[in-house]
């Protein structure tokens, strides 16, 4: 099925792009603009919420990859 193969290729490339962006966003140069304690988001400092959002995003990416590759 050529469409399935194409979908897998696109999903893989999108996941790679997300994880490269995540690596930049949570390391020194990428996190610098967001490295503040205030405001608090759901009771945690902003920088921790920044990391948490990227981690939850990676969970969603892995779930999407699982769905694409399991069928």
PDB file of N, CA and C in Angstrom:
ATOM      1  N   UNK A   1       0.836  -1.176   0.000  1.00  0.00           N
ATOM      2  CA  UNK A   1       0.000   0.000   0.000  1.00  0.00           C
ATOM      3  C   UNK A   1       0.891   1.252   0.000  1.00  0.00           C
ATOM      4  N   UNK A   2       0.963   1.972  -1.094  1.00  0.00           N
ATOM      5  CA  UNK A   2       1.878   3.113  -1.172  1.00  0.00           C
ATOM      6  C   UNK A   2       1.507   4.258  -0.238  1.00  0.00           C
ATOM      7  N   UNK A   3       0.241   4.487   0.014  1.00  0.00           N
ATOM      8  CA  UNK A   3      -0.156   5.572   0.907  1.00  0.00           C
ATOM      9  C   UNK A   3       0.290   5.307   2.339  1.00  0.00           C
ATOM     10  N   UNK A   4       0.260   4.051   2.759  1.00  0.00           N
ATOM     11  CA  UNK A   4       0.678   3.680   4.111  1.00  0.00           C
ATOM     12  C   UNK A   4       2.174   3.920   4.283  1.00  0.00           C
ATOM     13  N   UNK A   5       2.925   3.546   3.265  1.00  0.00           N
ATOM     14  CA  UNK A   5       4.374   3.758   3.300  1.00  0.00           C
ATOM     15  C   UNK A   5       4.701   5.244   3.364  1.00  0.00           C
ATOM     16  N   UNK A   6       3.982   6.022   2.611  1.00  0.00           N
ATOM     17  CA  UNK A   6       4.194   7.480   2.604  1.00  0.00           C
ATOM     18  C   UNK A   6       3.836   8.085   3.952  1.00  0.00           C
ATOM     19  N   UNK A   7       2.755   7.608   4.549  1.00  0.00           N
ATOM     20  CA  UNK A   7       2.348   8.097   5.868  1.00  0.00           C
ATOM     21  C   UNK A   7       3.405   7.770   6.923  1.00  0.00           C
ATOM     22  N   UNK A   8       3.980   6.574   6.848  1.00  0.00           N
ATOM     23  CA  UNK A   8       5.023   6.196   7.796  1.00  0.00           C
ATOM     24  C   UNK A   8       6.252   7.080   7.645  1.00  0.00           C
ATOM     25  N   UNK A   9       6.610   7.363   6.411  1.00  0.00           N
ATOM     26  CA  UNK A   9       7.774   8.217   6.153  1.00  0.00           C
ATOM     27  C   UNK A   9       7.543   9.637   6.665  1.00  0.00           C
ATOM     28  N   UNK A  10       6.362  10.175   6.430  1.00  0.00           N
ATOM     29  CA  UNK A  10       6.037  11.528   6.892  1.00  0.00           C
ATOM     30  C   UNK A  10       5.985  11.572   8.418  1.00  0.00           C
ATOM     31  N   UNK A  11       5.397  10.547   9.031  1.00  0.00           N
ATOM     32  CA  UNK A  11       5.310  10.498  10.490  1.00  0.00           C
ATOM     33  C   UNK A  11       6.703  10.417  11.111  1.00  0.00           C
ATOM     34  N   UNK A  12       7.578   9.637  10.514  1.00  0.00           N
ATOM     35  CA  UNK A  12       8.936   9.510  11.033  1.00  0.00           C
ATOM     36  C   UNK A  12       9.684  10.830  10.919  1.00  0.00           C
ATOM     37  N   UNK A  13       9.572  11.485   9.798  1.00  0.00           N
ATOM     38  CA  UNK A  13      10.255  12.777   9.617  1.00  0.00           C
ATOM     39  C   UNK A  13       9.702  13.840  10.558  1.00  0.00           C
ATOM     40  N   UNK A  14       8.396  13.843  10.754  1.00  0.00           N
ATOM     41  CA  UNK A  14       7.798  14.808  11.676  1.00  0.00           C
ATOM     42  C   UNK A  14       8.262  14.546  13.111  1.00  0.00           C
ATOM     43  N   UNK A  15       8.366  13.277  13.494  1.00  0.00           N
ATOM     44  CA  UNK A  15       8.834  12.940  14.844  1.00  0.00           C
ATOM     45  C   UNK A  15      10.283  13.355  15.029  1.00  0.00           C
ATOM     46  N   UNK A  16      11.104  13.124  14.027  1.00  0.00           N
ATOM     47  CA  UNK A  16      12.512  13.540  14.109  1.00  0.00           C
ATOM     48  C   UNK A  16      12.604  15.050  14.256  1.00  0.00           C
ATOM     49  N   UNK A  17      11.814  15.774  13.469  1.00  0.00           N
ATOM     50  CA  UNK A  17      11.816  17.243  13.557  1.00  0.00           C
ATOM     51  C   UNK A  17      11.363  17.706  14.942  1.00  0.00           C
ATOM     52  N   UNK A  18      10.346  17.055  15.505  1.00  0.00           N
ATOM     53  CA  UNK A  18       9.875  17.425  16.840  1.00  0.00           C
ATOM     54  C   UNK A  18      10.960  17.207  17.882  1.00  0.00           C
ATOM     55  N   UNK A  19      11.628  16.063  17.826  1.00  0.00           N
ATOM     56  CA  UNK A  19      12.623  15.764  18.853  1.00  0.00           C
ATOM     57  C   UNK A  19      13.889  16.604  18.708  1.00  0.00           C
ATOM     58  N   UNK A  20      14.214  17.017  17.494  1.00  0.00           N
ATOM     59  CA  UNK A  20      15.324  17.966  17.331  1.00  0.00           C
ATOM     60  C   UNK A  20      14.929  19.318  17.923  1.00  0.00           C
ATOM     61  N   UNK A  21      13.698  19.760  17.639  1.00  0.00           N
ATOM     62  CA  UNK A  21      13.216  21.017  18.223  1.00  0.00           C
ATOM     63  C   UNK A  21      13.161  20.920  19.743  1.00  0.00           C
ATOM     64  N   UNK A  22      12.774  19.768  20.263  1.00  0.00           N
ATOM     65  CA  UNK A  22      12.729  19.580  21.709  1.00  0.00           C
ATOM     66  C   UNK A  22      14.129  19.655  22.309  1.00  0.00           C
ATOM     67  N   UNK A  23      15.092  19.034  21.654  1.00  0.00           N
ATOM     68  CA  UNK A  23      16.465  19.062  22.154  1.00  0.00           C
ATOM     69  C   UNK A  23      16.991  20.487  22.238  1.00  0.00           C
ATOM     70  N   UNK A  24      16.662  21.304  21.251  1.00  0.00           N
ATOM     71  CA  UNK A  24      17.102  22.702  21.266  1.00  0.00           C
ATOM     72  C   UNK A  24      16.338  23.499  22.318  1.00  0.00           C
ATOM     73  N   UNK A  25      15.039  23.227  22.449  1.00  0.00           N
ATOM     74  CA  UNK A  25      14.189  24.015  23.343  1.00  0.00           C
ATOM     75  C   UNK A  25      14.436  23.754  24.820  1.00  0.00           C
ATOM     76  N   UNK A  26      14.957  22.595  25.180  1.00  0.00           N
ATOM     77  CA  UNK A  26      15.139  22.296  26.599  1.00  0.00           C
ATOM     78  C   UNK A  26      16.599  22.360  27.034  1.00  0.00           C
ATOM     79  N   UNK A  27      17.498  22.692  26.134  1.00  0.00           N
ATOM     80  CA  UNK A  27      18.898  22.856  26.508  1.00  0.00           C
ATOM     81  C   UNK A  27      19.222  24.343  26.620  1.00  0.00           C
ATOM     82  N   UNK A  28      20.463  24.657  26.951  1.00  0.00           N
ATOM     83  CA  UNK A  28      20.843  26.023  27.300  1.00  0.00           C
ATOM     84  C   UNK A  28      20.372  27.115  26.342  1.00  0.00           C
ATOM     85  N   UNK A  29      20.712  27.111  25.072  1.00  0.00           N
ATOM     86  CA  UNK A  29      20.310  28.288  24.283  1.00  0.00           C
ATOM     87  C   UNK A  29      18.811  28.402  24.069  1.00  0.00           C
ATOM     88  N   UNK A  30      18.113  27.286  24.003  1.00  0.00           N
ATOM     89  CA  UNK A  30      16.679  27.336  23.721  1.00  0.00           C
ATOM     90  C   UNK A  30      15.824  27.688  24.910  1.00  0.00           C
ATOM     91  N   UNK A  31      16.270  27.365  26.100  1.00  0.00           N
ATOM     92  CA  UNK A  31      15.452  27.594  27.288  1.00  0.00           C
ATOM     93  C   UNK A  31      15.711  28.964  27.909  1.00  0.00           C
ATOM     94  N   UNK A  32      16.736  29.661  27.477  1.00  0.00           N
ATOM     95  CA  UNK A  32      17.108  30.949  28.071  1.00  0.00           C
ATOM     96  C   UNK A  32      15.950  31.953  28.128  1.00  0.00           C
ATOM     97  N   UNK A  33      15.176  32.157  27.060  1.00  0.00           N
ATOM     98  CA  UNK A  33      14.078  33.133  27.169  1.00  0.00           C
ATOM     99  C   UNK A  33      12.967  32.709  28.129  1.00  0.00           C
ATOM    100  N   UNK A  34      12.890  31.432  28.429  1.00  0.00           N
ATOM    101  CA  UNK A  34      11.810  30.923  29.271  1.00  0.00           C
ATOM    102  C   UNK A  34      12.280  30.587  30.675  1.00  0.00           C
ATOM    103  N   UNK A  35      13.513  30.894  30.999  1.00  0.00           N
ATOM    104  CA  UNK A  35      14.095  30.526  32.283  1.00  0.00           C
ATOM    105  C   UNK A  35      13.723  31.540  33.362  1.00  0.00           C
ATOM    106  N   UNK A  36      12.445  31.553  33.720  1.00  0.00           N
ATOM    107  CA  UNK A  36      11.954  32.433  34.780  1.00  0.00           C
ATOM    108  C   UNK A  36      11.154  31.612  35.786  1.00  0.00           C
ATOM    109  N   UNK A  37      11.142  32.091  37.011  1.00  0.00           N
ATOM    110  CA  UNK A  37      10.371  31.396  38.035  1.00  0.00           C
ATOM    111  C   UNK A  37       8.900  31.789  37.939  1.00  0.00           C
ATOM    112  N   UNK A  38       8.655  33.056  37.729  1.00  0.00           N
ATOM    113  CA  UNK A  38       7.279  33.532  37.619  1.00  0.00           C
ATOM    114  C   UNK A  38       6.954  33.800  36.178  1.00  0.00           C
ATOM    115  N   UNK A  39       5.802  33.564  35.692  1.00  0.00           N
ATOM    116  CA  UNK A  39       4.568  33.207  36.371  1.00  0.00           C
ATOM    117  C   UNK A  39       4.526  31.719  36.717  1.00  0.00           C
ATOM    118  N   UNK A  40       3.660  31.402  37.665  1.00  0.00           N
ATOM    119  CA  UNK A  40       3.417  30.009  38.004  1.00  0.00           C
ATOM    120  C   UNK A  40       2.306  29.466  37.115  1.00  0.00           C
ATOM    121  N   UNK A  41       2.492  28.278  36.616  1.00  0.00           N
ATOM    122  CA  UNK A  41       1.481  27.623  35.785  1.00  0.00           C
ATOM    123  C   UNK A  41       1.097  26.331  36.481  1.00  0.00           C
ATOM    124  N   UNK A  42      -0.146  26.227  36.906  1.00  0.00           N
ATOM    125  CA  UNK A  42      -0.643  25.085  37.673  1.00  0.00           C
ATOM    126  C   UNK A  42       0.220  24.818  38.892  1.00  0.00           C
ATOM    127  N   UNK A  43       0.741  25.855  39.506  1.00  0.00           N
ATOM    128  CA  UNK A  43       1.488  25.734  40.740  1.00  0.00           C
ATOM    129  C   UNK A  43       2.970  25.447  40.585  1.00  0.00           C
ATOM    130  N   UNK A  44       3.458  25.342  39.370  1.00  0.00           N
ATOM    131  CA  UNK A  44       4.888  25.092  39.162  1.00  0.00           C
ATOM    132  C   UNK A  44       5.505  26.289  38.440  1.00  0.00           C
ATOM    133  N   UNK A  45       6.778  26.543  38.672  1.00  0.00           N
ATOM    134  CA  UNK A  45       7.424  27.653  37.971  1.00  0.00           C
ATOM    135  C   UNK A  45       7.377  27.469  36.451  1.00  0.00           C
ATOM    136  N   UNK A  46       7.434  28.578  35.747  1.00  0.00           N
ATOM    137  CA  UNK A  46       7.261  28.566  34.303  1.00  0.00           C
ATOM    138  C   UNK A  46       8.258  27.651  33.601  1.00  0.00           C
ATOM    139  N   UNK A  47       9.515  27.664  34.033  1.00  0.00           N
ATOM    140  CA  UNK A  47      10.517  26.852  33.335  1.00  0.00           C
ATOM    141  C   UNK A  47      10.200  25.367  33.480  1.00  0.00           C
ATOM    142  N   UNK A  48       9.670  24.951  34.626  1.00  0.00           N
ATOM    143  CA  UNK A  48       9.285  23.548  34.789  1.00  0.00           C
ATOM    144  C   UNK A  48       8.073  23.207  33.923  1.00  0.00           C
ATOM    145  N   UNK A  49       7.144  24.145  33.827  1.00  0.00           N
ATOM    146  CA  UNK A  49       5.992  23.937  32.953  1.00  0.00           C
ATOM    147  C   UNK A  49       6.447  23.837  31.499  1.00  0.00           C
ATOM    148  N   UNK A  50       7.479  24.599  31.116  1.00  0.00           N
ATOM    149  CA  UNK A  50       8.050  24.542  29.775  1.00  0.00           C
ATOM    150  C   UNK A  50       8.552  23.130  29.479  1.00  0.00           C
ATOM    151  N   UNK A  51       9.322  22.572  30.432  1.00  0.00           N
ATOM    152  CA  UNK A  51       9.820  21.208  30.253  1.00  0.00           C
ATOM    153  C   UNK A  51       8.673  20.203  30.214  1.00  0.00           C
ATOM    154  N   UNK A  52       7.702  20.388  31.086  1.00  0.00           N
ATOM    155  CA  UNK A  52       6.569  19.468  31.156  1.00  0.00           C
ATOM    156  C   UNK A  52       5.779  19.447  29.847  1.00  0.00           C
ATOM    157  N   UNK A  53       5.590  20.602  29.249  1.00  0.00           N
ATOM    158  CA  UNK A  53       4.875  20.661  27.963  1.00  0.00           C
ATOM    159  C   UNK A  53       5.618  19.887  26.880  1.00  0.00           C
ATOM    160  N   UNK A  54       6.926  19.995  26.845  1.00  0.00           N
ATOM    161  CA  UNK A  54       7.708  19.244  25.853  1.00  0.00           C
ATOM    162  C   UNK A  54       7.630  17.741  26.119  1.00  0.00           C
ATOM    163  N   UNK A  55       7.622  17.341  27.378  1.00  0.00           N
ATOM    164  CA  UNK A  55       7.543  15.919  27.706  1.00  0.00           C
ATOM    165  C   UNK A  55       6.172  15.357  27.332  1.00  0.00           C
ATOM    166  N   UNK A  56       5.119  16.087  27.624  1.00  0.00           N
ATOM    167  CA  UNK A  56       3.775  15.648  27.243  1.00  0.00           C
ATOM    168  C   UNK A  56       3.656  15.598  25.722  1.00  0.00           C
ATOM    169  N   UNK A  57       4.251  16.566  25.043  1.00  0.00           N
ATOM    170  CA  UNK A  57       4.263  16.543  23.580  1.00  0.00           C
ATOM    171  C   UNK A  57       4.967  15.320  23.030  1.00  0.00           C
ATOM    172  N   UNK A  58       6.069  14.925  23.665  1.00  0.00           N
ATOM    173  CA  UNK A  58       6.767  13.731  23.191  1.00  0.00           C
ATOM    174  C   UNK A  58       5.923  12.476  23.416  1.00  0.00           C
ATOM    175  N   UNK A  59       5.144  12.451  24.492  1.00  0.00           N
ATOM    176  CA  UNK A  59       4.232  11.339  24.711  1.00  0.00           C
ATOM    177  C   UNK A  59       3.215  11.255  23.571  1.00  0.00           C
ATOM    178  N   UNK A  60       2.689  12.391  23.156  1.00  0.00           N
ATOM    179  CA  UNK A  60       1.725  12.406  22.052  1.00  0.00           C
ATOM    180  C   UNK A  60       2.369  11.980  20.735  1.00  0.00           C
ATOM    181  N   UNK A  61       3.606  12.397  20.509  1.00  0.00           N
ATOM    182  CA  UNK A  61       4.310  11.992  19.288  1.00  0.00           C
ATOM    183  C   UNK A  61       4.521  10.483  19.274  1.00  0.00           C
ATOM    184  N   UNK A  62       4.945   9.923  20.411  1.00  0.00           N
ATOM    185  CA  UNK A  62       5.141   8.473  20.474  1.00  0.00           C
ATOM    186  C   UNK A  62       3.818   7.725  20.296  1.00  0.00           C
ATOM    187  N   UNK A  63       2.739   8.233  20.839  1.00  0.00           N
ATOM    188  CA  UNK A  63       1.430   7.598  20.660  1.00  0.00           C
ATOM    189  C   UNK A  63       1.024   7.621  19.190  1.00  0.00           C
ATOM    190  N   UNK A  64       1.269   8.731  18.523  1.00  0.00           N
ATOM    191  CA  UNK A  64       0.957   8.840  17.099  1.00  0.00           C
ATOM    192  C   UNK A  64       1.808   7.866  16.282  1.00  0.00           C
ATOM    193  N   UNK A  65       3.099   7.788  16.586  1.00  0.00           N
ATOM    194  CA  UNK A  65       3.962   6.844  15.877  1.00  0.00           C
ATOM    195  C   UNK A  65       3.517   5.399  16.110  1.00  0.00           C
ATOM    196  N   UNK A  66       3.125   5.087  17.327  1.00  0.00           N
ATOM    197  CA  UNK A  66       2.640   3.748  17.628  1.00  0.00           C
ATOM    198  C   UNK A  66       1.413   3.417  16.797  1.00  0.00           C
ATOM    199  N   UNK A  67       0.497   4.366  16.697  1.00  0.00           N
ATOM    200  CA  UNK A  67      -0.720   4.142  15.917  1.00  0.00           C
ATOM    201  C   UNK A  67      -0.407   3.959  14.444  1.00  0.00           C
ATOM    202  N   UNK A  68       0.508   4.752  13.914  1.00  0.00           N
ATOM    203  CA  UNK A  68       0.849   4.666  12.498  1.00  0.00           C
ATOM    204  C   UNK A  68       1.554   3.341  12.180  1.00  0.00           C
ATOM    205  N   UNK A  69       2.479   2.939  13.037  1.00  0.00           N
ATOM    206  CA  UNK A  69       3.290   1.757  12.734  1.00  0.00           C
ATOM    207  C   UNK A  69       2.666   0.449  13.204  1.00  0.00           C
ATOM    208  N   UNK A  70       1.635   0.487  14.024  1.00  0.00           N
ATOM    209  CA  UNK A  70       1.054  -0.762  14.516  1.00  0.00           C
ATOM    210  C   UNK A  70       0.048  -1.377  13.544  1.00  0.00           C
ATOM    211  N   UNK A  71      -0.452  -0.605  12.640  1.00  0.00           N
ATOM    212  CA  UNK A  71      -1.459  -1.142  11.706  1.00  0.00           C
ATOM    213  C   UNK A  71      -0.827  -1.735  10.483  1.00  0.00           C
TER     214      UNK A  71
END
